[in-house]
Amino acid sequence: MEEQAAVPLDEVDRRIIAELVRDGRMSVSAVAAEVHISRAHAYSRISRLTESGVLTKFTALVDPVKAGLKSSAYVTLKVSQHSWRELREELRAIPEVAHIALVGGDFDVILLVRAEDNVGLRRVIFDTLQSMPGVLDTQTFLIFEDLDTR
């Protein structure tokens, strides 16, 4: 994985990003008004932030319980050396995996897994994750309450 250089950001860029994180559906005109710049200037800044990869996508945040995903867990994986590249593509293909992070420490990967119920959660962990080549061990941390910080 090649390291990417940071994109230089100024205060206007940071304010635009903050507004779009707060409400990704915000129009360019609304962003411009909140940041106190012209619409054309906001449009060019948002385009530059998108083209440079700072802004990667615009999305909606979903309440998992209201969307029918009543069981969630963080699952840590210990993986065999050199298996990450193949494993990450397999993990991306699992619909219940909401987030994947390669980390350092006592384990190698942390997953956020969301399922309709405990049966579905158990199926993903025991039948799918633990049977994947390259996965040496898993540990599961059930989530009792989710708090969105945005």
N, C-alpha and C. Protein backbone atom coordinates (compact mmCIF):
# COMPACT_ATOMS: atom_id res chain seq x y z
N MET A 1 0.85 -1.17 0.00
CA MET A 1 0.00 0.00 0.00
C MET A 1 0.89 1.23 0.00
N GLU A 2 0.73 2.08 -0.99
CA GLU A 2 1.58 3.25 -1.07
C GLU A 2 1.05 4.36 -0.17
N GLU A 3 1.98 5.10 0.41
CA GLU A 3 1.60 6.18 1.30
C GLU A 3 1.19 7.39 0.48
N GLN A 4 0.12 8.02 0.89
CA GLN A 4 -0.37 9.18 0.16
C GLN A 4 0.04 10.45 0.89
N ALA A 5 0.44 11.46 0.13
CA ALA A 5 0.83 12.73 0.71
C ALA A 5 -0.42 13.48 1.17
N ALA A 6 -0.28 14.18 2.28
CA ALA A 6 -1.38 15.00 2.78
C ALA A 6 -1.62 16.17 1.84
N VAL A 7 -2.86 16.55 1.69
CA VAL A 7 -3.23 17.69 0.86
C VAL A 7 -3.24 18.92 1.76
N PRO A 8 -2.55 19.99 1.36
CA PRO A 8 -2.56 21.19 2.21
C PRO A 8 -3.98 21.78 2.29
N LEU A 9 -4.43 22.03 3.50
CA LEU A 9 -5.76 22.59 3.73
C LEU A 9 -5.64 23.89 4.50
N ASP A 10 -6.43 24.87 4.11
CA ASP A 10 -6.46 26.11 4.87
C ASP A 10 -7.75 26.16 5.70
N GLU A 11 -7.96 27.24 6.40
CA GLU A 11 -9.12 27.37 7.29
C GLU A 11 -10.44 27.28 6.52
N VAL A 12 -10.50 27.85 5.32
CA VAL A 12 -11.73 27.77 4.51
C VAL A 12 -12.02 26.32 4.15
N ASP A 13 -10.99 25.58 3.73
CA ASP A 13 -11.17 24.15 3.43
C ASP A 13 -11.71 23.41 4.64
N ARG A 14 -11.13 23.68 5.80
CA ARG A 14 -11.55 22.98 7.02
C ARG A 14 -13.00 23.32 7.39
N ARG A 15 -13.40 24.54 7.17
CA ARG A 15 -14.79 24.92 7.47
C ARG A 15 -15.76 24.26 6.48
N ILE A 16 -15.37 24.19 5.22
CA ILE A 16 -16.20 23.51 4.21
C ILE A 16 -16.35 22.04 4.59
N ILE A 17 -15.25 21.40 4.93
CA ILE A 17 -15.29 19.98 5.32
C ILE A 17 -16.20 19.80 6.54
N ALA A 18 -16.08 20.66 7.53
CA ALA A 18 -16.91 20.56 8.74
C ALA A 18 -18.39 20.67 8.39
N GLU A 19 -18.74 21.57 7.50
CA GLU A 19 -20.14 21.73 7.11
C GLU A 19 -20.65 20.49 6.38
N LEU A 20 -19.83 19.93 5.50
CA LEU A 20 -20.26 18.74 4.75
C LEU A 20 -20.31 17.49 5.63
N VAL A 21 -19.45 17.43 6.65
CA VAL A 21 -19.54 16.32 7.61
C VAL A 21 -20.83 16.45 8.41
N ARG A 22 -21.17 17.66 8.78
CA ARG A 22 -22.40 17.91 9.55
C ARG A 22 -23.64 17.57 8.73
N ASP A 23 -23.62 17.91 7.42
CA ASP A 23 -24.76 17.63 6.55
C ASP A 23 -24.26 17.43 5.13
N GLY A 24 -24.07 16.17 4.75
CA GLY A 24 -23.56 15.84 3.42
C GLY A 24 -24.51 16.19 2.29
N ARG A 25 -25.76 16.47 2.62
CA ARG A 25 -26.74 16.85 1.59
C ARG A 25 -26.79 18.35 1.36
N MET A 26 -25.99 19.09 2.09
CA MET A 26 -25.99 20.54 1.99
C MET A 26 -25.62 20.99 0.57
N SER A 27 -26.37 21.92 0.03
CA SER A 27 -26.09 22.43 -1.31
C SER A 27 -24.84 23.29 -1.29
N VAL A 28 -24.25 23.48 -2.46
CA VAL A 28 -23.07 24.33 -2.56
C VAL A 28 -23.41 25.74 -2.11
N SER A 29 -24.60 26.22 -2.45
CA SER A 29 -25.02 27.56 -2.01
C SER A 29 -25.10 27.65 -0.50
N ALA A 30 -25.62 26.61 0.14
CA ALA A 30 -25.72 26.61 1.60
C ALA A 30 -24.33 26.56 2.25
N VAL A 31 -23.43 25.76 1.68
CA VAL A 31 -22.06 25.70 2.19
C VAL A 31 -21.42 27.08 2.07
N ALA A 32 -21.58 27.71 0.92
CA ALA A 32 -21.01 29.04 0.70
C ALA A 32 -21.53 30.04 1.72
N ALA A 33 -22.83 30.00 1.99
CA ALA A 33 -23.41 30.92 2.97
C ALA A 33 -22.86 30.68 4.37
N GLU A 34 -22.72 29.41 4.76
CA GLU A 34 -22.22 29.07 6.10
C GLU A 34 -20.75 29.46 6.28
N VAL A 35 -19.97 29.32 5.20
CA VAL A 35 -18.53 29.58 5.27
C VAL A 35 -18.21 31.04 4.92
N HIS A 36 -19.22 31.76 4.41
CA HIS A 36 -19.08 33.17 4.04
C HIS A 36 -18.13 33.38 2.87
N ILE A 37 -18.37 32.57 1.81
CA ILE A 37 -17.64 32.73 0.56
C ILE A 37 -18.66 32.68 -0.57
N SER A 38 -18.24 33.05 -1.78
CA SER A 38 -19.17 33.01 -2.90
C SER A 38 -19.49 31.57 -3.29
N ARG A 39 -20.61 31.38 -3.98
CA ARG A 39 -21.01 30.05 -4.43
C ARG A 39 -19.96 29.49 -5.37
N ALA A 40 -19.44 30.31 -6.30
CA ALA A 40 -18.42 29.86 -7.25
C ALA A 40 -17.15 29.42 -6.52
N HIS A 41 -16.78 30.17 -5.48
CA HIS A 41 -15.59 29.83 -4.71
C HIS A 41 -15.82 28.51 -3.96
N ALA A 42 -17.01 28.33 -3.38
CA ALA A 42 -17.33 27.09 -2.67
C ALA A 42 -17.31 25.91 -3.65
N TYR A 43 -17.89 26.10 -4.82
CA TYR A 43 -17.92 25.04 -5.83
C TYR A 43 -16.50 24.63 -6.21
N SER A 44 -15.62 25.61 -6.46
CA SER A 44 -14.25 25.26 -6.87
C SER A 44 -13.49 24.59 -5.73
N ARG A 45 -13.72 25.03 -4.50
CA ARG A 45 -13.06 24.41 -3.34
C ARG A 45 -13.54 22.96 -3.16
N ILE A 46 -14.85 22.74 -3.24
CA ILE A 46 -15.40 21.39 -3.07
C ILE A 46 -14.90 20.48 -4.19
N SER A 47 -14.83 21.00 -5.39
CA SER A 47 -14.30 20.21 -6.52
C SER A 47 -12.85 19.84 -6.28
N ARG A 48 -12.05 20.79 -5.82
CA ARG A 48 -10.63 20.52 -5.54
C ARG A 48 -10.49 19.49 -4.43
N LEU A 49 -11.29 19.62 -3.37
CA LEU A 49 -11.24 18.67 -2.26
C LEU A 49 -11.66 17.27 -2.69
N THR A 50 -12.60 17.18 -3.62
CA THR A 50 -13.05 15.89 -4.13
C THR A 50 -12.00 15.29 -5.06
N GLU A 51 -11.49 16.08 -6.00
CA GLU A 51 -10.50 15.59 -6.96
C GLU A 51 -9.20 15.17 -6.28
N SER A 52 -8.83 15.84 -5.19
CA SER A 52 -7.59 15.50 -4.48
C SER A 52 -7.78 14.33 -3.52
N GLY A 53 -9.01 13.86 -3.37
CA GLY A 53 -9.27 12.71 -2.52
C GLY A 53 -9.51 13.02 -1.05
N VAL A 54 -9.55 14.31 -0.70
CA VAL A 54 -9.85 14.67 0.69
C VAL A 54 -11.30 14.30 0.99
N LEU A 55 -12.20 14.71 0.11
CA LEU A 55 -13.59 14.28 0.22
C LEU A 55 -13.73 13.05 -0.65
N THR A 56 -14.08 11.92 -0.04
CA THR A 56 -14.11 10.67 -0.80
C THR A 56 -15.50 10.25 -1.23
N LYS A 57 -16.52 10.63 -0.46
CA LYS A 57 -17.89 10.33 -0.85
C LYS A 57 -18.85 11.12 0.03
N PHE A 58 -20.04 11.27 -0.47
CA PHE A 58 -21.10 11.92 0.27
C PHE A 58 -22.10 10.82 0.60
N THR A 59 -22.46 10.71 1.86
CA THR A 59 -23.26 9.57 2.28
C THR A 59 -24.23 9.95 3.39
N ALA A 60 -25.16 9.07 3.66
CA ALA A 60 -26.10 9.25 4.76
C ALA A 60 -25.68 8.36 5.92
N LEU A 61 -25.88 8.84 7.13
CA LEU A 61 -25.65 8.01 8.32
C LEU A 61 -26.96 7.33 8.66
N VAL A 62 -26.90 6.05 8.91
CA VAL A 62 -28.10 5.25 9.15
C VAL A 62 -28.09 4.75 10.59
N ASP A 63 -29.22 4.85 11.26
CA ASP A 63 -29.37 4.25 12.59
C ASP A 63 -29.51 2.75 12.37
N PRO A 64 -28.53 1.93 12.78
CA PRO A 64 -28.58 0.51 12.46
C PRO A 64 -29.79 -0.21 13.06
N VAL A 65 -30.17 0.13 14.27
CA VAL A 65 -31.31 -0.56 14.91
C VAL A 65 -32.60 -0.24 14.16
N LYS A 66 -32.81 1.02 13.82
CA LYS A 66 -34.02 1.39 13.07
C LYS A 66 -34.02 0.79 11.67
N ALA A 67 -32.83 0.50 11.15
CA ALA A 67 -32.74 -0.13 9.82
C ALA A 67 -32.81 -1.66 9.91
N GLY A 68 -33.09 -2.18 11.09
CA GLY A 68 -33.25 -3.62 11.25
C GLY A 68 -31.99 -4.39 11.58
N LEU A 69 -30.90 -3.68 11.86
CA LEU A 69 -29.64 -4.34 12.23
C LEU A 69 -29.48 -4.24 13.74
N LYS A 70 -30.09 -5.18 14.46
CA LYS A 70 -30.19 -5.09 15.90
C LYS A 70 -29.01 -5.68 16.66
N SER A 71 -28.11 -6.39 15.98
CA SER A 71 -26.94 -6.98 16.63
C SER A 71 -25.67 -6.45 15.97
N SER A 72 -24.80 -5.86 16.79
CA SER A 72 -23.55 -5.32 16.28
C SER A 72 -22.41 -5.74 17.19
N ALA A 73 -21.23 -5.87 16.60
CA ALA A 73 -20.04 -6.23 17.37
C ALA A 73 -18.80 -5.71 16.66
N TYR A 74 -17.79 -5.43 17.47
CA TYR A 74 -16.45 -5.24 16.94
C TYR A 74 -15.78 -6.61 17.01
N VAL A 75 -15.20 -7.02 15.91
CA VAL A 75 -14.54 -8.32 15.85
C VAL A 75 -13.08 -8.07 15.48
N THR A 76 -12.18 -8.55 16.33
CA THR A 76 -10.76 -8.43 16.02
C THR A 76 -10.28 -9.72 15.40
N LEU A 77 -9.33 -9.59 14.49
CA LEU A 77 -8.77 -10.75 13.80
C LEU A 77 -7.26 -10.75 13.96
N LYS A 78 -6.72 -11.92 14.23
CA LYS A 78 -5.28 -12.15 14.06
C LYS A 78 -5.17 -12.87 12.73
N VAL A 79 -4.28 -12.38 11.88
CA VAL A 79 -4.17 -12.97 10.55
C VAL A 79 -2.74 -13.43 10.30
N SER A 80 -2.60 -14.39 9.42
CA SER A 80 -1.26 -14.88 9.07
C SER A 80 -0.50 -13.80 8.29
N GLN A 81 0.78 -13.84 8.45
CA GLN A 81 1.63 -12.85 7.80
C GLN A 81 1.43 -12.89 6.29
N HIS A 82 1.37 -11.75 5.66
CA HIS A 82 1.23 -11.58 4.21
C HIS A 82 -0.15 -11.94 3.67
N SER A 83 -1.15 -12.14 4.52
CA SER A 83 -2.47 -12.49 4.01
C SER A 83 -3.40 -11.28 3.88
N TRP A 84 -2.96 -10.11 4.33
CA TRP A 84 -3.84 -8.93 4.38
C TRP A 84 -4.41 -8.55 3.03
N ARG A 85 -3.61 -8.49 1.99
CA ARG A 85 -4.08 -8.01 0.69
C ARG A 85 -5.24 -8.85 0.15
N GLU A 86 -5.12 -10.16 0.24
CA GLU A 86 -6.19 -11.03 -0.24
C GLU A 86 -7.39 -10.97 0.72
N LEU A 87 -7.09 -10.95 2.00
CA LEU A 87 -8.13 -10.98 3.02
C LEU A 87 -9.01 -9.73 2.97
N ARG A 88 -8.42 -8.58 2.74
CA ARG A 88 -9.23 -7.34 2.76
C ARG A 88 -10.30 -7.35 1.68
N GLU A 89 -10.00 -7.93 0.52
CA GLU A 89 -11.01 -8.01 -0.54
C GLU A 89 -12.13 -8.96 -0.16
N GLU A 90 -11.79 -10.06 0.49
CA GLU A 90 -12.82 -10.99 0.96
C GLU A 90 -13.69 -10.34 2.03
N LEU A 91 -13.07 -9.58 2.93
CA LEU A 91 -13.82 -8.90 4.00
C LEU A 91 -14.76 -7.84 3.42
N ARG A 92 -14.30 -7.12 2.41
CA ARG A 92 -15.14 -6.10 1.76
C ARG A 92 -16.39 -6.71 1.14
N ALA A 93 -16.32 -7.98 0.77
CA ALA A 93 -17.45 -8.63 0.10
C ALA A 93 -18.52 -9.13 1.07
N ILE A 94 -18.26 -9.06 2.36
CA ILE A 94 -19.23 -9.53 3.36
C ILE A 94 -20.19 -8.38 3.66
N PRO A 95 -21.47 -8.52 3.32
CA PRO A 95 -22.41 -7.40 3.49
C PRO A 95 -22.55 -6.90 4.93
N GLU A 96 -22.37 -7.76 5.90
CA GLU A 96 -22.54 -7.36 7.29
C GLU A 96 -21.34 -6.59 7.85
N VAL A 97 -20.23 -6.58 7.14
CA VAL A 97 -19.04 -5.85 7.60
C VAL A 97 -19.19 -4.38 7.20
N ALA A 98 -19.36 -3.53 8.22
CA ALA A 98 -19.59 -2.11 7.98
C ALA A 98 -18.31 -1.29 7.96
N HIS A 99 -17.25 -1.78 8.60
CA HIS A 99 -15.99 -1.03 8.64
C HIS A 99 -14.85 -2.02 8.84
N ILE A 100 -13.71 -1.74 8.20
CA ILE A 100 -12.52 -2.58 8.29
C ILE A 100 -11.34 -1.67 8.59
N ALA A 101 -10.51 -2.05 9.58
CA ALA A 101 -9.30 -1.28 9.87
C ALA A 101 -8.14 -2.24 10.12
N LEU A 102 -7.03 -2.01 9.44
CA LEU A 102 -5.78 -2.71 9.70
C LEU A 102 -5.09 -1.94 10.81
N VAL A 103 -4.72 -2.61 11.90
CA VAL A 103 -4.18 -1.93 13.07
C VAL A 103 -2.91 -2.62 13.55
N GLY A 104 -2.22 -1.98 14.46
CA GLY A 104 -1.06 -2.58 15.11
C GLY A 104 -1.43 -2.89 16.55
N GLY A 105 -0.81 -3.90 17.11
CA GLY A 105 -1.08 -4.25 18.50
C GLY A 105 -1.25 -5.74 18.66
N ASP A 106 -2.10 -6.13 19.60
CA ASP A 106 -2.31 -7.55 19.90
C ASP A 106 -3.06 -8.29 18.80
N PHE A 107 -3.74 -7.57 17.93
CA PHE A 107 -4.44 -8.16 16.80
C PHE A 107 -4.15 -7.33 15.58
N ASP A 108 -4.58 -7.80 14.41
CA ASP A 108 -4.19 -7.17 13.15
C ASP A 108 -5.29 -6.36 12.48
N VAL A 109 -6.54 -6.79 12.66
CA VAL A 109 -7.67 -6.18 11.96
C VAL A 109 -8.81 -6.01 12.95
N ILE A 110 -9.52 -4.88 12.82
CA ILE A 110 -10.76 -4.67 13.58
C ILE A 110 -11.88 -4.49 12.56
N LEU A 111 -12.97 -5.22 12.78
CA LEU A 111 -14.15 -5.12 11.93
C LEU A 111 -15.33 -4.62 12.76
N LEU A 112 -16.17 -3.81 12.16
CA LEU A 112 -17.48 -3.50 12.72
C LEU A 112 -18.47 -4.35 11.94
N VAL A 113 -19.15 -5.26 12.64
CA VAL A 113 -20.08 -6.17 11.99
C VAL A 113 -21.48 -5.86 12.50
N ARG A 114 -22.43 -5.68 11.56
CA ARG A 114 -23.82 -5.40 11.91
C ARG A 114 -24.71 -6.44 11.24
N ALA A 115 -25.60 -7.05 12.04
CA ALA A 115 -26.48 -8.10 11.52
C ALA A 115 -27.90 -7.88 12.05
N GLU A 116 -28.85 -8.57 11.42
CA GLU A 116 -30.25 -8.44 11.83
C GLU A 116 -30.49 -8.93 13.25
N ASP A 117 -29.77 -9.97 13.65
CA ASP A 117 -29.97 -10.54 14.98
C ASP A 117 -28.72 -11.33 15.37
N ASN A 118 -28.76 -11.93 16.56
CA ASN A 118 -27.60 -12.69 17.04
C ASN A 118 -27.31 -13.92 16.18
N VAL A 119 -28.34 -14.51 15.59
CA VAL A 119 -28.13 -15.66 14.70
C VAL A 119 -27.30 -15.22 13.49
N GLY A 120 -27.65 -14.08 12.91
CA GLY A 120 -26.90 -13.56 11.78
C GLY A 120 -25.48 -13.17 12.15
N LEU A 121 -25.34 -12.57 13.33
CA LEU A 121 -24.02 -12.18 13.81
C LEU A 121 -23.14 -13.42 14.03
N ARG A 122 -23.73 -14.43 14.64
CA ARG A 122 -23.01 -15.68 14.89
C ARG A 122 -22.59 -16.32 13.56
N ARG A 123 -23.47 -16.31 12.56
CA ARG A 123 -23.16 -16.89 11.25
C ARG A 123 -21.96 -16.20 10.62
N VAL A 124 -21.94 -14.86 10.66
CA VAL A 124 -20.82 -14.12 10.06
C VAL A 124 -19.52 -14.47 10.78
N ILE A 125 -19.55 -14.47 12.10
CA ILE A 125 -18.31 -14.70 12.86
C ILE A 125 -17.84 -16.14 12.74
N PHE A 126 -18.71 -17.09 13.04
CA PHE A 126 -18.28 -18.49 13.10
C PHE A 126 -18.19 -19.16 11.72
N ASP A 127 -19.16 -18.90 10.86
CA ASP A 127 -19.18 -19.58 9.57
C ASP A 127 -18.34 -18.87 8.51
N THR A 128 -18.33 -17.54 8.54
CA THR A 128 -17.63 -16.81 7.49
C THR A 128 -16.22 -16.41 7.90
N LEU A 129 -16.10 -15.61 8.95
CA LEU A 129 -14.79 -15.07 9.32
C LEU A 129 -13.82 -16.16 9.78
N GLN A 130 -14.27 -17.02 10.67
CA GLN A 130 -13.35 -18.02 11.23
C GLN A 130 -12.95 -19.08 10.22
N SER A 131 -13.69 -19.21 9.13
CA SER A 131 -13.33 -20.21 8.12
C SER A 131 -12.48 -19.63 6.99
N MET A 132 -12.18 -18.33 7.05
CA MET A 132 -11.40 -17.72 5.97
C MET A 132 -9.93 -18.11 6.09
N PRO A 133 -9.31 -18.50 4.97
CA PRO A 133 -7.88 -18.78 4.99
C PRO A 133 -7.14 -17.50 5.40
N GLY A 134 -6.19 -17.64 6.28
CA GLY A 134 -5.43 -16.48 6.73
C GLY A 134 -5.91 -15.93 8.06
N VAL A 135 -7.12 -16.26 8.49
CA VAL A 135 -7.61 -15.81 9.81
C VAL A 135 -7.19 -16.85 10.83
N LEU A 136 -6.36 -16.43 11.78
CA LEU A 136 -5.84 -17.34 12.80
C LEU A 136 -6.69 -17.36 14.05
N ASP A 137 -7.29 -16.20 14.40
CA ASP A 137 -8.04 -16.09 15.64
C ASP A 137 -8.98 -14.90 15.55
N THR A 138 -10.10 -14.98 16.25
CA THR A 138 -11.03 -13.86 16.32
C THR A 138 -11.38 -13.61 17.78
N GLN A 139 -11.77 -12.39 18.07
CA GLN A 139 -12.33 -12.04 19.37
C GLN A 139 -13.48 -11.09 19.11
N THR A 140 -14.59 -11.29 19.81
CA THR A 140 -15.81 -10.53 19.56
C THR A 140 -16.17 -9.66 20.75
N PHE A 141 -16.50 -8.40 20.47
CA PHE A 141 -16.93 -7.45 21.48
C PHE A 141 -18.32 -6.96 21.09
N LEU A 142 -19.33 -7.45 21.78
CA LEU A 142 -20.71 -7.05 21.47
C LEU A 142 -20.92 -5.57 21.78
N ILE A 143 -21.69 -4.90 20.96
CA ILE A 143 -22.03 -3.49 21.17
C ILE A 143 -23.42 -3.44 21.79
N PHE A 144 -23.50 -2.84 22.96
CA PHE A 144 -24.79 -2.72 23.65
C PHE A 144 -25.48 -1.40 23.32
N GLU A 145 -24.69 -0.37 22.98
CA GLU A 145 -25.27 0.93 22.64
C GLU A 145 -24.31 1.67 21.72
N ASP A 146 -24.85 2.21 20.64
CA ASP A 146 -24.08 3.01 19.67
C ASP A 146 -24.36 4.48 19.93
N LEU A 147 -23.32 5.29 19.98
CA LEU A 147 -23.48 6.73 20.09
C LEU A 147 -22.78 7.38 18.91
N ASP A 148 -23.51 8.12 18.10
CA ASP A 148 -22.94 8.83 16.96
C ASP A 148 -22.36 10.13 17.47
N THR A 149 -21.09 10.38 17.18
CA THR A 149 -20.44 11.60 17.65
C THR A 149 -20.49 12.74 16.65
N ARG A 150 -21.11 12.51 15.50
CA ARG A 150 -21.18 13.60 14.50
C ARG A 150 -22.52 14.28 14.57
